[in-house]
Structure formats: structure tokens, C-alpha cells
Amino acid sequence: MSSAFDDCLRPYGTILKTISPGLYEAALPNGKAVIAHLSRELAAAPPEIPNGATVLLEISPFDLDRARIAKVEQGC
């Protein structure tokens, strides 16, 4: 039995801008912009994510315009 997390796409992206606390606009490697929110684990202790930071995104194959930020790369 697979979970919803097993079927998601996991590209790296770049933060373009902060929309509101916990909500960001991120660019995929192909240049497409998506709306990204913090995962539940990151939202518990929200990190400071500057513009230009590299993040690991999780995208559902059913809605390619929204993403979850799963991990922020070190050095941000």
C-alpha cells in the first residue's frame, strides 16, 4: 500500500519571494513558478528562508501549481 507521499515529485527549487509567513513563491529547475508552503515539521519551528535559497519541494502529480517545502538546504 503506497501513501500520498510516495507518489509525489521531489525536485529542488529556488525561493523567489516570501508571500506571507510560511508561504513562498519558488521556481522549479525548468523555470516554472509554484506556490510553496512549509511542511508540518518545518512549520513547527519555521526557519528563516531567504530569497535565492535552495529547497527540496514535494509536488502532488494532481496539482502541479502548489508544493510543500520538505527541506531547506544547509548554508541558507
N, C-alpha and C. Protein backbone atom coordinates (compact mmCIF):
# COMPACT_ATOMS: atom_id res chain seq x y z
N MET A 1 0.85 -1.18 0.00
CA MET A 1 0.00 0.00 0.00
C MET A 1 0.89 1.24 0.00
N SER A 2 0.71 2.12 -0.96
CA SER A 2 1.53 3.32 -1.04
C SER A 2 0.78 4.51 -0.45
N SER A 3 1.55 5.42 0.09
CA SER A 3 0.94 6.63 0.65
C SER A 3 1.00 7.75 -0.37
N ALA A 4 0.35 8.85 -0.07
CA ALA A 4 0.35 10.00 -0.97
C ALA A 4 1.75 10.57 -1.13
N PHE A 5 2.61 10.43 -0.11
CA PHE A 5 3.96 10.97 -0.18
C PHE A 5 4.85 10.15 -1.11
N ASP A 6 4.51 8.88 -1.33
CA ASP A 6 5.31 8.03 -2.20
C ASP A 6 5.15 8.42 -3.66
N ASP A 7 4.02 9.02 -4.02
CA ASP A 7 3.71 9.32 -5.40
C ASP A 7 4.06 10.76 -5.81
N CYS A 8 4.62 11.55 -4.91
CA CYS A 8 4.86 12.96 -5.24
C CYS A 8 6.18 13.12 -5.98
N LEU A 9 6.29 14.24 -6.67
CA LEU A 9 7.52 14.62 -7.35
C LEU A 9 8.38 15.36 -6.34
N ARG A 10 9.70 15.18 -6.39
CA ARG A 10 10.59 15.80 -5.41
C ARG A 10 11.74 16.56 -6.08
N PRO A 11 11.44 17.67 -6.74
CA PRO A 11 12.52 18.46 -7.34
C PRO A 11 13.09 19.47 -6.34
N TYR A 12 14.28 19.96 -6.62
CA TYR A 12 14.83 21.07 -5.87
C TYR A 12 14.33 22.35 -6.53
N GLY A 13 14.14 23.38 -5.74
CA GLY A 13 13.67 24.66 -6.26
C GLY A 13 14.41 25.80 -5.58
N THR A 14 14.17 27.00 -6.08
CA THR A 14 14.78 28.20 -5.56
C THR A 14 13.69 29.15 -5.11
N ILE A 15 13.81 29.68 -3.89
CA ILE A 15 12.82 30.62 -3.36
C ILE A 15 12.95 31.95 -4.11
N LEU A 16 11.84 32.42 -4.67
CA LEU A 16 11.81 33.69 -5.39
C LEU A 16 11.42 34.83 -4.47
N LYS A 17 10.37 34.61 -3.66
CA LYS A 17 9.93 35.66 -2.74
C LYS A 17 9.05 35.05 -1.66
N THR A 18 8.93 35.79 -0.55
CA THR A 18 8.05 35.39 0.55
C THR A 18 6.71 36.07 0.33
N ILE A 19 5.64 35.30 0.31
CA ILE A 19 4.29 35.84 0.13
C ILE A 19 3.71 36.22 1.49
N SER A 20 3.82 35.33 2.44
CA SER A 20 3.39 35.56 3.82
C SER A 20 4.18 34.58 4.69
N PRO A 21 4.11 34.70 6.00
CA PRO A 21 4.85 33.75 6.84
C PRO A 21 4.44 32.30 6.53
N GLY A 22 5.40 31.50 6.12
CA GLY A 22 5.14 30.10 5.79
C GLY A 22 4.68 29.86 4.36
N LEU A 23 4.55 30.90 3.55
CA LEU A 23 4.10 30.76 2.17
C LEU A 23 5.08 31.49 1.25
N TYR A 24 5.55 30.78 0.23
CA TYR A 24 6.61 31.30 -0.63
C TYR A 24 6.27 31.06 -2.10
N GLU A 25 6.93 31.82 -2.95
CA GLU A 25 6.91 31.54 -4.38
C GLU A 25 8.28 30.94 -4.71
N ALA A 26 8.27 29.77 -5.34
CA ALA A 26 9.52 29.06 -5.65
C ALA A 26 9.57 28.75 -7.14
N ALA A 27 10.78 28.70 -7.66
CA ALA A 27 10.99 28.37 -9.07
C ALA A 27 11.52 26.95 -9.18
N LEU A 28 10.93 26.17 -10.06
CA LEU A 28 11.40 24.82 -10.34
C LEU A 28 12.61 24.90 -11.27
N PRO A 29 13.35 23.80 -11.44
CA PRO A 29 14.51 23.83 -12.34
C PRO A 29 14.17 24.22 -13.78
N ASN A 30 12.93 23.97 -14.22
CA ASN A 30 12.55 24.34 -15.58
C ASN A 30 12.07 25.78 -15.70
N GLY A 31 12.09 26.53 -14.57
CA GLY A 31 11.71 27.93 -14.57
C GLY A 31 10.27 28.20 -14.17
N LYS A 32 9.44 27.17 -14.05
CA LYS A 32 8.04 27.35 -13.66
C LYS A 32 7.96 27.78 -12.21
N ALA A 33 7.13 28.77 -11.92
CA ALA A 33 6.93 29.24 -10.55
C ALA A 33 5.77 28.50 -9.91
N VAL A 34 5.93 28.10 -8.65
CA VAL A 34 4.88 27.43 -7.89
C VAL A 34 4.74 28.12 -6.54
N ILE A 35 3.58 27.97 -5.92
CA ILE A 35 3.34 28.43 -4.56
C ILE A 35 3.74 27.29 -3.63
N ALA A 36 4.60 27.59 -2.66
CA ALA A 36 5.11 26.55 -1.77
C ALA A 36 4.85 26.94 -0.31
N HIS A 37 4.42 25.95 0.47
CA HIS A 37 4.21 26.18 1.91
C HIS A 37 5.12 25.26 2.69
N LEU A 38 5.36 25.59 3.95
CA LEU A 38 6.22 24.77 4.80
C LEU A 38 5.54 23.46 5.15
N SER A 39 6.34 22.39 5.23
CA SER A 39 5.80 21.12 5.70
C SER A 39 5.44 21.25 7.17
N ARG A 40 4.69 20.32 7.68
CA ARG A 40 4.27 20.36 9.08
C ARG A 40 5.47 20.38 10.02
N GLU A 41 6.52 19.60 9.69
CA GLU A 41 7.71 19.54 10.53
C GLU A 41 8.43 20.89 10.55
N LEU A 42 8.54 21.55 9.39
CA LEU A 42 9.21 22.85 9.34
C LEU A 42 8.35 23.95 9.94
N ALA A 43 7.04 23.84 9.82
CA ALA A 43 6.14 24.87 10.35
C ALA A 43 6.15 24.90 11.88
N ALA A 44 6.52 23.78 12.51
CA ALA A 44 6.58 23.74 13.97
C ALA A 44 7.65 24.68 14.51
N ALA A 45 8.75 24.81 13.78
CA ALA A 45 9.83 25.75 14.13
C ALA A 45 10.29 26.38 12.82
N PRO A 46 9.55 27.39 12.34
CA PRO A 46 9.80 27.94 11.00
C PRO A 46 11.22 28.49 10.83
N PRO A 47 11.94 28.00 9.82
CA PRO A 47 13.29 28.53 9.57
C PRO A 47 13.21 29.85 8.81
N GLU A 48 14.27 30.60 8.88
CA GLU A 48 14.39 31.83 8.09
C GLU A 48 14.84 31.39 6.69
N ILE A 49 14.00 31.58 5.68
CA ILE A 49 14.33 31.16 4.32
C ILE A 49 14.50 32.41 3.47
N PRO A 50 15.73 32.77 3.12
CA PRO A 50 15.96 33.97 2.32
C PRO A 50 15.64 33.74 0.85
N ASN A 51 15.42 34.81 0.11
CA ASN A 51 15.24 34.70 -1.33
C ASN A 51 16.52 34.12 -1.92
N GLY A 52 16.37 33.22 -2.88
CA GLY A 52 17.52 32.57 -3.51
C GLY A 52 17.92 31.27 -2.84
N ALA A 53 17.31 30.91 -1.72
CA ALA A 53 17.64 29.67 -1.02
C ALA A 53 17.18 28.47 -1.84
N THR A 54 17.94 27.38 -1.75
CA THR A 54 17.58 26.14 -2.42
C THR A 54 16.81 25.26 -1.44
N VAL A 55 15.67 24.75 -1.89
CA VAL A 55 14.80 23.93 -1.04
C VAL A 55 14.39 22.67 -1.80
N LEU A 56 14.12 21.61 -1.04
CA LEU A 56 13.57 20.40 -1.61
C LEU A 56 12.05 20.51 -1.56
N LEU A 57 11.41 20.38 -2.70
CA LEU A 57 9.96 20.52 -2.79
C LEU A 57 9.31 19.16 -2.98
N GLU A 58 8.08 19.03 -2.53
CA GLU A 58 7.25 17.86 -2.80
C GLU A 58 6.01 18.36 -3.52
N ILE A 59 5.76 17.82 -4.72
CA ILE A 59 4.65 18.27 -5.54
C ILE A 59 3.76 17.08 -5.87
N SER A 60 2.46 17.25 -5.64
CA SER A 60 1.50 16.21 -5.99
C SER A 60 1.34 16.18 -7.51
N PRO A 61 1.26 15.00 -8.11
CA PRO A 61 1.06 14.94 -9.56
C PRO A 61 -0.34 15.43 -9.97
N PHE A 62 -1.22 15.64 -9.01
CA PHE A 62 -2.58 16.09 -9.30
C PHE A 62 -2.71 17.60 -9.32
N ASP A 63 -1.76 18.32 -8.69
CA ASP A 63 -1.79 19.79 -8.67
C ASP A 63 -0.35 20.28 -8.77
N LEU A 64 0.08 20.59 -9.99
CA LEU A 64 1.48 20.95 -10.23
C LEU A 64 1.78 22.42 -9.96
N ASP A 65 0.79 23.17 -9.46
CA ASP A 65 0.99 24.59 -9.17
C ASP A 65 1.28 24.86 -7.70
N ARG A 66 1.16 23.85 -6.84
CA ARG A 66 1.39 24.01 -5.41
C ARG A 66 2.42 22.98 -4.96
N ALA A 67 3.23 23.39 -3.98
CA ALA A 67 4.28 22.50 -3.48
C ALA A 67 4.42 22.62 -1.98
N ARG A 68 5.04 21.63 -1.39
CA ARG A 68 5.36 21.65 0.04
C ARG A 68 6.88 21.72 0.15
N ILE A 69 7.39 22.57 1.01
CA ILE A 69 8.83 22.65 1.25
C ILE A 69 9.19 21.59 2.27
N ALA A 70 9.91 20.56 1.84
CA ALA A 70 10.26 19.44 2.70
C ALA A 70 11.57 19.66 3.44
N LYS A 71 12.50 20.40 2.81
CA LYS A 71 13.81 20.58 3.42
C LYS A 71 14.44 21.85 2.86
N VAL A 72 15.13 22.57 3.73
CA VAL A 72 15.90 23.74 3.33
C VAL A 72 17.36 23.31 3.32
N GLU A 73 18.06 23.58 2.22
CA GLU A 73 19.46 23.19 2.11
C GLU A 73 20.31 23.96 3.12
N GLN A 74 21.34 23.32 3.64
CA GLN A 74 22.24 23.95 4.61
C GLN A 74 22.98 25.10 3.95
N GLY A 75 23.35 26.07 4.74
CA GLY A 75 24.09 27.23 4.23
C GLY A 75 23.19 28.38 3.88
N CYS A 76 21.88 28.28 4.16
CA CYS A 76 20.95 29.37 3.86
C CYS A 76 20.90 30.32 5.03
